[in-house]
Full PDB file with SEQRES, HELIX, SHEET, SSBOND, CRYST1, ORIGX, SCALE, CONECT and MASTER records, all heavy atoms in Angstrom:
SEQRES   1 A   33  ALA VAL ILE ALA ALA THR TRP MET TRP ALA LYS GLN PRO          
SEQRES   2 A   33  ASP TYR THR VAL LEU PHE SER ASN LEU THR ASP ARG ASP          
SEQRES   3 A   33  GLY GLY GLU ILE ILE ALA SER                                  
HELIX    1 AA1 VAL A    2  LYS A   11  1                                  10    
HELIX    2 AA2 ASP A   24  ALA A   32  1                                   9    
CRYST1    1.000    1.000    1.000  90.00  90.00  90.00 P 1           1          
ORIGX1      1.000000  0.000000  0.000000        0.00000                         
ORIGX2      0.000000  1.000000  0.000000        0.00000                         
ORIGX3      0.000000  0.000000  1.000000        0.00000                         
SCALE1      1.000000  0.000000  0.000000        0.00000                         
SCALE2      0.000000  1.000000  0.000000        0.00000                         
SCALE3      0.000000  0.000000  1.000000        0.00000                         
ATOM      1  N   ALA A   1      78.309  86.601-202.061  1.00  0.00           N  
ATOM      2  CA  ALA A   1      77.049  87.309-202.456  1.00  0.00           C  
ATOM      3  C   ALA A   1      76.866  87.278-203.961  1.00  0.00           C  
ATOM      4  O   ALA A   1      75.730  87.032-204.475  1.00  0.00           O  
ATOM      5  CB  ALA A   1      77.099  88.753-201.956  1.00  0.00           C  
ATOM      6  N   VAL A   2      77.919  87.525-204.771  1.00  0.00           N  
ATOM      7  CA  VAL A   2      77.819  87.536-206.139  1.00  0.00           C  
ATOM      8  C   VAL A   2      77.497  86.073-206.663  1.00  0.00           C  
ATOM      9  O   VAL A   2      76.603  85.916-207.513  1.00  0.00           O  
ATOM     10  CB  VAL A   2      79.173  87.985-206.813  1.00  0.00           C  
ATOM     11  CG1 VAL A   2      79.161  87.683-208.293  1.00  0.00           C  
ATOM     12  CG2 VAL A   2      79.327  89.493-206.546  1.00  0.00           C  
ATOM     13  N   ILE A   3      78.113  85.083-206.133  1.00  0.00           N  
ATOM     14  CA  ILE A   3      77.825  83.710-206.531  1.00  0.00           C  
ATOM     15  C   ILE A   3      76.422  83.314-206.117  1.00  0.00           C  
ATOM     16  O   ILE A   3      75.686  82.699-206.981  1.00  0.00           O  
ATOM     17  CB  ILE A   3      78.839  82.721-205.825  1.00  0.00           C  
ATOM     18  CG1 ILE A   3      80.233  82.932-206.425  1.00  0.00           C  
ATOM     19  CG2 ILE A   3      78.346  81.297-205.993  1.00  0.00           C  
ATOM     20  CD1 ILE A   3      81.303  82.232-205.714  1.00  0.00           C  
ATOM     21  N   ALA A   4      75.946  83.709-204.986  1.00  0.00           N  
ATOM     22  CA  ALA A   4      74.566  83.353-204.630  1.00  0.00           C  
ATOM     23  C   ALA A   4      73.536  84.123-205.480  1.00  0.00           C  
ATOM     24  O   ALA A   4      72.537  83.494-205.899  1.00  0.00           O  
ATOM     25  CB  ALA A   4      74.323  83.757-203.147  1.00  0.00           C  
ATOM     26  N   ALA A   5      73.779  85.353-205.807  1.00  0.00           N  
ATOM     27  CA  ALA A   5      72.850  86.083-206.694  1.00  0.00           C  
ATOM     28  C   ALA A   5      72.822  85.479-208.062  1.00  0.00           C  
ATOM     29  O   ALA A   5      71.811  85.362-208.662  1.00  0.00           O  
ATOM     30  CB  ALA A   5      73.290  87.572-206.723  1.00  0.00           C  
ATOM     31  N   THR A   6      73.972  85.087-208.625  1.00  0.00           N  
ATOM     32  CA  THR A   6      74.040  84.437-209.925  1.00  0.00           C  
ATOM     33  C   THR A   6      73.299  83.139-209.897  1.00  0.00           C  
ATOM     34  O   THR A   6      72.547  82.891-210.815  1.00  0.00           O  
ATOM     35  CB  THR A   6      75.546  84.246-210.339  1.00  0.00           C  
ATOM     36  OG1 THR A   6      76.163  85.555-210.325  1.00  0.00           O  
ATOM     37  CG2 THR A   6      75.624  83.628-211.708  1.00  0.00           C  
ATOM     38  N   TRP A   7      73.507  82.368-208.943  1.00  0.00           N  
ATOM     39  CA  TRP A   7      72.780  81.058-208.788  1.00  0.00           C  
ATOM     40  C   TRP A   7      71.295  81.272-208.700  1.00  0.00           C  
ATOM     41  O   TRP A   7      70.584  80.571-209.352  1.00  0.00           O  
ATOM     42  CB  TRP A   7      73.339  80.362-207.558  1.00  0.00           C  
ATOM     43  CG  TRP A   7      72.752  78.993-207.328  1.00  0.00           C  
ATOM     44  CD1 TRP A   7      72.893  77.872-208.033  1.00  0.00           C  
ATOM     45  CD2 TRP A   7      71.765  78.672-206.358  1.00  0.00           C  
ATOM     46  NE1 TRP A   7      72.129  76.849-207.597  1.00  0.00           N  
ATOM     47  CE2 TRP A   7      71.444  77.301-206.510  1.00  0.00           C  
ATOM     48  CE3 TRP A   7      71.151  79.361-205.311  1.00  0.00           C  
ATOM     49  CZ2 TRP A   7      70.555  76.645-205.726  1.00  0.00           C  
ATOM     50  CZ3 TRP A   7      70.204  78.718-204.502  1.00  0.00           C  
ATOM     51  CH2 TRP A   7      69.963  77.373-204.668  1.00  0.00           C  
ATOM     52  N   MET A   8      70.838  82.202-207.841  1.00  0.00           N  
ATOM     53  CA  MET A   8      69.380  82.464-207.801  1.00  0.00           C  
ATOM     54  C   MET A   8      68.783  82.963-209.079  1.00  0.00           C  
ATOM     55  O   MET A   8      67.744  82.516-209.557  1.00  0.00           O  
ATOM     56  CB  MET A   8      69.117  83.425-206.683  1.00  0.00           C  
ATOM     57  CG  MET A   8      69.339  82.814-205.316  1.00  0.00           C  
ATOM     58  SD  MET A   8      69.150  83.965-203.893  1.00  0.00           S  
ATOM     59  CE  MET A   8      67.466  84.395-204.127  1.00  0.00           C  
ATOM     60  N   TRP A   9      69.579  83.803-209.803  1.00  0.00           N  
ATOM     61  CA  TRP A   9      69.116  84.331-211.083  1.00  0.00           C  
ATOM     62  C   TRP A   9      68.993  83.180-212.103  1.00  0.00           C  
ATOM     63  O   TRP A   9      68.111  83.131-212.892  1.00  0.00           O  
ATOM     64  CB  TRP A   9      70.030  85.446-211.577  1.00  0.00           C  
ATOM     65  CG  TRP A   9      69.664  85.963-212.914  1.00  0.00           C  
ATOM     66  CD1 TRP A   9      68.677  86.850-213.186  1.00  0.00           C  
ATOM     67  CD2 TRP A   9      70.302  85.620-214.078  1.00  0.00           C  
ATOM     68  NE1 TRP A   9      68.659  87.067-214.519  1.00  0.00           N  
ATOM     69  CE2 TRP A   9      69.674  86.352-215.138  1.00  0.00           C  
ATOM     70  CE3 TRP A   9      71.390  84.795-214.454  1.00  0.00           C  
ATOM     71  CZ2 TRP A   9      70.064  86.253-216.439  1.00  0.00           C  
ATOM     72  CZ3 TRP A   9      71.791  84.751-215.794  1.00  0.00           C  
ATOM     73  CH2 TRP A   9      71.141  85.526-216.718  1.00  0.00           C  
ATOM     74  N   ALA A  10      69.921  82.307-212.129  1.00  0.00           N  
ATOM     75  CA  ALA A  10      69.991  81.233-213.109  1.00  0.00           C  
ATOM     76  C   ALA A  10      68.890  80.191-212.860  1.00  0.00           C  
ATOM     77  O   ALA A  10      68.461  79.517-213.764  1.00  0.00           O  
ATOM     78  CB  ALA A  10      71.359  80.507-213.023  1.00  0.00           C  
ATOM     79  N   LYS A  11      68.430  80.069-211.634  1.00  0.00           N  
ATOM     80  CA  LYS A  11      67.382  79.084-211.278  1.00  0.00           C  
ATOM     81  C   LYS A  11      66.007  79.548-211.741  1.00  0.00           C  
ATOM     82  O   LYS A  11      65.100  78.715-211.884  1.00  0.00           O  
ATOM     83  CB  LYS A  11      67.338  78.864-209.808  1.00  0.00           C  
ATOM     84  CG  LYS A  11      68.458  77.910-209.329  1.00  0.00           C  
ATOM     85  CD  LYS A  11      68.236  77.459-207.954  1.00  0.00           C  
ATOM     86  CE  LYS A  11      67.036  76.567-207.971  1.00  0.00           C  
ATOM     87  NZ  LYS A  11      66.795  75.652-206.925  1.00  0.00           N  
ATOM     88  N   GLN A  12      65.789  80.831-212.039  1.00  0.00           N  
ATOM     89  CA  GLN A  12      64.421  81.327-212.427  1.00  0.00           C  
ATOM     90  C   GLN A  12      64.195  80.825-213.772  1.00  0.00           C  
ATOM     91  O   GLN A  12      65.002  80.952-214.724  1.00  0.00           O  
ATOM     92  CB  GLN A  12      64.362  82.825-212.332  1.00  0.00           C  
ATOM     93  CG  GLN A  12      64.488  83.328-210.902  1.00  0.00           C  
ATOM     94  CD  GLN A  12      64.368  84.878-210.913  1.00  0.00           C  
ATOM     95  OE1 GLN A  12      64.406  85.505-211.919  1.00  0.00           O  
ATOM     96  NE2 GLN A  12      64.365  85.400-209.673  1.00  0.00           N  
ATOM     97  N   PRO A  13      62.965  80.264-214.056  1.00  0.00           N  
ATOM     98  CA  PRO A  13      62.656  79.785-215.402  1.00  0.00           C  
ATOM     99  C   PRO A  13      62.449  80.958-216.338  1.00  0.00           C  
ATOM    100  O   PRO A  13      62.075  82.028-215.980  1.00  0.00           O  
ATOM    101  CB  PRO A  13      61.397  79.039-215.158  1.00  0.00           C  
ATOM    102  CG  PRO A  13      60.710  79.698-214.008  1.00  0.00           C  
ATOM    103  CD  PRO A  13      61.893  80.101-213.129  1.00  0.00           C  
ATOM    104  N   ASP A  14      62.755  80.669-217.631  1.00  0.00           N  
ATOM    105  CA  ASP A  14      62.469  81.642-218.675  1.00  0.00           C  
ATOM    106  C   ASP A  14      61.014  81.572-218.956  1.00  0.00           C  
ATOM    107  O   ASP A  14      60.405  80.485-219.090  1.00  0.00           O  
ATOM    108  CB  ASP A  14      63.249  81.266-219.969  1.00  0.00           C  
ATOM    109  CG  ASP A  14      64.760  81.460-219.837  1.00  0.00           C  
ATOM    110  OD1 ASP A  14      65.200  82.299-219.071  1.00  0.00           O  
ATOM    111  OD2 ASP A  14      65.522  80.666-220.437  1.00  0.00           O  
ATOM    112  N   TYR A  15      60.428  82.735-219.087  1.00  0.00           N  
ATOM    113  CA  TYR A  15      58.974  82.818-219.412  1.00  0.00           C  
ATOM    114  C   TYR A  15      58.768  83.187-220.910  1.00  0.00           C  
ATOM    115  O   TYR A  15      59.478  83.946-221.395  1.00  0.00           O  
ATOM    116  CB  TYR A  15      58.290  83.894-218.442  1.00  0.00           C  
ATOM    117  CG  TYR A  15      57.995  83.383-217.097  1.00  0.00           C  
ATOM    118  CD1 TYR A  15      59.022  83.249-216.128  1.00  0.00           C  
ATOM    119  CD2 TYR A  15      56.739  82.999-216.707  1.00  0.00           C  
ATOM    120  CE1 TYR A  15      58.808  82.784-214.860  1.00  0.00           C  
ATOM    121  CE2 TYR A  15      56.433  82.498-215.506  1.00  0.00           C  
ATOM    122  CZ  TYR A  15      57.422  82.422-214.555  1.00  0.00           C  
ATOM    123  OH  TYR A  15      57.113  81.946-213.332  1.00  0.00           O  
ATOM    124  N   THR A  16      57.774  82.489-221.459  1.00  0.00           N  
ATOM    125  CA  THR A  16      57.488  82.677-222.890  1.00  0.00           C  
ATOM    126  C   THR A  16      56.023  83.065-223.000  1.00  0.00           C  
ATOM    127  O   THR A  16      55.143  82.690-222.164  1.00  0.00           O  
ATOM    128  CB  THR A  16      57.741  81.409-223.558  1.00  0.00           C  
ATOM    129  OG1 THR A  16      59.096  81.031-223.364  1.00  0.00           O  
ATOM    130  CG2 THR A  16      57.509  81.488-225.084  1.00  0.00           C  
ATOM    131  N   VAL A  17      55.687  83.753-224.106  1.00  0.00           N  
ATOM    132  CA  VAL A  17      54.263  84.232-224.316  1.00  0.00           C  
ATOM    133  C   VAL A  17      53.410  83.037-224.478  1.00  0.00           C  
ATOM    134  O   VAL A  17      53.619  82.142-225.370  1.00  0.00           O  
ATOM    135  CB  VAL A  17      54.246  85.137-225.527  1.00  0.00           C  
ATOM    136  CG1 VAL A  17      52.810  85.469-225.818  1.00  0.00           C  
ATOM    137  CG2 VAL A  17      54.996  86.418-225.328  1.00  0.00           C  
ATOM    138  N   LEU A  18      52.323  82.982-223.671  1.00  0.00           N  
ATOM    139  CA  LEU A  18      51.294  81.976-223.741  1.00  0.00           C  
ATOM    140  C   LEU A  18      50.217  82.479-224.736  1.00  0.00           C  
ATOM    141  O   LEU A  18      49.954  81.834-225.782  1.00  0.00           O  
ATOM    142  CB  LEU A  18      50.659  81.704-222.441  1.00  0.00           C  
ATOM    143  CG  LEU A  18      49.511  80.760-222.388  1.00  0.00           C  
ATOM    144  CD1 LEU A  18      49.963  79.332-222.821  1.00  0.00           C  
ATOM    145  CD2 LEU A  18      48.820  80.667-221.061  1.00  0.00           C  
ATOM    146  N   PHE A  19      49.750  83.663-224.481  1.00  0.00           N  
ATOM    147  CA  PHE A  19      48.800  84.316-225.407  1.00  0.00           C  
ATOM    148  C   PHE A  19      49.011  85.833-225.276  1.00  0.00           C  
ATOM    149  O   PHE A  19      49.443  86.293-224.231  1.00  0.00           O  
ATOM    150  CB  PHE A  19      47.343  84.062-225.049  1.00  0.00           C  
ATOM    151  CG  PHE A  19      46.960  82.601-225.211  1.00  0.00           C  
ATOM    152  CD1 PHE A  19      46.645  81.777-224.121  1.00  0.00           C  
ATOM    153  CD2 PHE A  19      46.769  82.082-226.455  1.00  0.00           C  
ATOM    154  CE1 PHE A  19      46.309  80.500-224.317  1.00  0.00           C  
ATOM    155  CE2 PHE A  19      46.448  80.759-226.661  1.00  0.00           C  
ATOM    156  CZ  PHE A  19      46.189  79.915-225.639  1.00  0.00           C  
ATOM    157  N   SER A  20      48.732  86.527-226.374  1.00  0.00           N  
ATOM    158  CA  SER A  20      48.786  87.942-226.350  1.00  0.00           C  
ATOM    159  C   SER A  20      47.513  88.570-226.992  1.00  0.00           C  
ATOM    160  O   SER A  20      46.778  87.834-227.720  1.00  0.00           O  
ATOM    161  CB  SER A  20      50.015  88.525-226.992  1.00  0.00           C  
ATOM    162  OG  SER A  20      50.040  88.083-228.403  1.00  0.00           O  
ATOM    163  N   ASN A  21      47.334  89.810-226.868  1.00  0.00           N  
ATOM    164  CA  ASN A  21      46.143  90.557-227.423  1.00  0.00           C  
ATOM    165  C   ASN A  21      44.845  89.860-227.146  1.00  0.00           C  
ATOM    166  O   ASN A  21      43.973  89.641-228.021  1.00  0.00           O  
ATOM    167  CB  ASN A  21      46.349  90.710-228.962  1.00  0.00           C  
ATOM    168  CG  ASN A  21      47.575  91.487-229.310  1.00  0.00           C  
ATOM    169  OD1 ASN A  21      47.892  92.399-228.652  1.00  0.00           O  
ATOM    170  ND2 ASN A  21      48.279  91.042-230.304  1.00  0.00           N  
ATOM    171  N   LEU A  22      44.621  89.555-225.881  1.00  0.00           N  
ATOM    172  CA  LEU A  22      43.380  88.909-225.449  1.00  0.00           C  
ATOM    173  C   LEU A  22      42.354  89.929-225.074  1.00  0.00           C  
ATOM    174  O   LEU A  22      42.716  91.096-224.652  1.00  0.00           O  
ATOM    175  CB  LEU A  22      43.671  88.007-224.222  1.00  0.00           C  
ATOM    176  CG  LEU A  22      44.538  86.813-224.452  1.00  0.00           C  
ATOM    177  CD1 LEU A  22      45.015  86.188-223.131  1.00  0.00           C  
ATOM    178  CD2 LEU A  22      43.884  85.734-225.358  1.00  0.00           C  
ATOM    179  N   THR A  23      41.138  89.557-225.096  1.00  0.00           N  
ATOM    180  CA  THR A  23      40.049  90.375-224.523  1.00  0.00           C  
ATOM    181  C   THR A  23      40.141  90.316-223.087  1.00  0.00           C  
ATOM    182  O   THR A  23      40.779  89.396-222.503  1.00  0.00           O  
ATOM    183  CB  THR A  23      38.668  89.889-225.035  1.00  0.00           C  
ATOM    184  OG1 THR A  23      38.403  88.599-224.479  1.00  0.00           O  
ATOM    185  CG2 THR A  23      38.540  89.890-226.533  1.00  0.00           C  
ATOM    186  N   ASP A  24      39.599  91.280-222.325  1.00  0.00           N  
ATOM    187  CA  ASP A  24      39.606  91.196-220.878  1.00  0.00           C  
ATOM    188  C   ASP A  24      39.010  89.963-220.343  1.00  0.00           C  
ATOM    189  O   ASP A  24      39.386  89.338-219.366  1.00  0.00           O  
ATOM    190  CB  ASP A  24      38.912  92.462-220.301  1.00  0.00           C  
ATOM    191  CG  ASP A  24      39.774  93.751-220.581  1.00  0.00           C  
ATOM    192  OD1 ASP A  24      40.944  93.614-220.833  1.00  0.00           O  
ATOM    193  OD2 ASP A  24      39.125  94.845-220.475  1.00  0.00           O  
ATOM    194  N   ARG A  25      37.864  89.540-220.993  1.00  0.00           N  
ATOM    195  CA  ARG A  25      37.195  88.359-220.531  1.00  0.00           C  
ATOM    196  C   ARG A  25      37.989  87.140-220.711  1.00  0.00           C  
ATOM    197  O   ARG A  25      38.097  86.288-219.762  1.00  0.00           O  
ATOM    198  CB  ARG A  25      35.881  88.257-221.359  1.00  0.00           C  
ATOM    199  CG  ARG A  25      35.014  87.003-220.917  1.00  0.00           C  
ATOM    200  CD  ARG A  25      33.784  86.882-221.722  1.00  0.00           C  
ATOM    201  NE  ARG A  25      32.825  86.363-220.884  1.00  0.00           N  
ATOM    202  CZ  ARG A  25      31.583  86.783-220.589  1.00  0.00           C  
ATOM    203  NH1 ARG A  25      31.219  87.921-221.160  1.00  0.00           N  
ATOM    204  NH2 ARG A  25      30.760  86.175-219.796  1.00  0.00           N  
ATOM    205  N   ASP A  26      38.561  86.938-221.874  1.00  0.00           N  
ATOM    206  CA  ASP A  26      39.459  85.760-222.047  1.00  0.00           C  
ATOM    207  C   ASP A  26      40.651  85.854-221.115  1.00  0.00           C  
ATOM    208  O   ASP A  26      41.035  84.739-220.576  1.00  0.00           O  
ATOM    209  CB  ASP A  26      39.946  85.726-223.538  1.00  0.00           C  
ATOM    210  CG  ASP A  26      38.960  85.124-224.517  1.00  0.00           C  
ATOM    211  OD1 ASP A  26      37.969  84.459-224.041  1.00  0.00           O  
ATOM    212  OD2 ASP A  26      39.141  85.328-225.757  1.00  0.00           O  
ATOM    213  N   GLY A  27      41.287  86.947-220.918  1.00  0.00           N  
ATOM    214  CA  GLY A  27      42.406  87.043-220.089  1.00  0.00           C  
ATOM    215  C   GLY A  27      42.082  86.667-218.743  1.00  0.00           C  
ATOM    216  O   GLY A  27      42.757  85.933-217.968  1.00  0.00           O  
ATOM    217  N   GLY A  28      40.948  87.129-218.222  1.00  0.00           N  
ATOM    218  CA  GLY A  28      40.473  86.808-216.803  1.00  0.00           C  
ATOM    219  C   GLY A  28      40.220  85.320-216.632  1.00  0.00           C  
ATOM    220  O   GLY A  28      40.542  84.695-215.667  1.00  0.00           O  
ATOM    221  N   GLU A  29      39.608  84.687-217.686  1.00  0.00           N  
ATOM    222  CA  GLU A  29      39.302  83.297-217.604  1.00  0.00           C  
ATOM    223  C   GLU A  29      40.611  82.373-217.639  1.00  0.00           C  
ATOM    224  O   GLU A  29      40.697  81.458-216.966  1.00  0.00           O  
ATOM    225  CB  GLU A  29      38.329  82.887-218.693  1.00  0.00           C  
ATOM    226  CG  GLU A  29      36.916  83.404-218.526  1.00  0.00           C  
ATOM    227  CD  GLU A  29      36.021  82.977-219.645  1.00  0.00           C  
ATOM    228  OE1 GLU A  29      36.353  82.075-220.445  1.00  0.00           O  
ATOM    229  OE2 GLU A  29      34.895  83.570-219.723  1.00  0.00           O  
ATOM    230  N   ILE A  30      41.545  82.883-218.467  1.00  0.00           N  
ATOM    231  CA  ILE A  30      42.781  82.193-218.536  1.00  0.00           C  
ATOM    232  C   ILE A  30      43.575  82.291-217.229  1.00  0.00           C  
ATOM    233  O   ILE A  30      44.113  81.284-216.731  1.00  0.00           O  
ATOM    234  CB  ILE A  30      43.705  82.659-219.753  1.00  0.00           C  
ATOM    235  CG1 ILE A  30      42.967  82.192-221.029  1.00  0.00           C  
ATOM    236  CG2 ILE A  30      45.142  82.202-219.685  1.00  0.00           C  
ATOM    237  CD1 ILE A  30      43.588  82.801-222.257  1.00  0.00           C  
ATOM    238  N   ILE A  31      43.631  83.464-216.682  1.00  0.00           N  
ATOM    239  CA  ILE A  31      44.317  83.642-215.389  1.00  0.00           C  
ATOM    240  C   ILE A  31      43.656  82.808-214.315  1.00  0.00           C  
ATOM    241  O   ILE A  31      44.355  82.133-213.498  1.00  0.00           O  
ATOM    242  CB  ILE A  31      44.346  85.113-215.006  1.00  0.00           C  
ATOM    243  CG1 ILE A  31      45.125  85.954-215.955  1.00  0.00           C  
ATOM    244  CG2 ILE A  31      44.848  85.334-213.564  1.00  0.00           C  
ATOM    245  CD1 ILE A  31      46.597  85.533-216.096  1.00  0.00           C  
ATOM    246  N   ALA A  32      42.317  82.762-214.254  1.00  0.00           N  
ATOM    247  CA  ALA A  32      41.630  81.949-213.281  1.00  0.00           C  
ATOM    248  C   ALA A  32      41.998  80.457-213.490  1.00  0.00           C  
ATOM    249  O   ALA A  32      42.235  79.742-212.434  1.00  0.00           O  
ATOM    250  CB  ALA A  32      40.149  82.170-213.414  1.00  0.00           C  
ATOM    251  N   SER A  33      42.099  80.025-214.690  1.00  0.00           N  
ATOM    252  CA  SER A  33      42.373  78.580-214.987  1.00  0.00           C  
ATOM    253  C   SER A  33      43.861  78.329-214.561  1.00  0.00           C  
ATOM    254  O   SER A  33      44.148  77.289-213.879  1.00  0.00           O  
ATOM    255  CB  SER A  33      42.194  78.282-216.393  1.00  0.00           C  
ATOM    256  OG  SER A  33      42.529  76.927-216.646  1.00  0.00           O  
TER     257      SER A  33                                                      
MASTER        0    0    0    2    0    0    0    6  256    1    0    3          
END                                                                             
């Protein structure tokens, strides 16, 4: 169980900031895209 959990955790990609401090309109359009 520990090995499986570690393997699954390691497979998840690292997420990085694409954009921050967006207006609601820009955020909605970016998410839709």
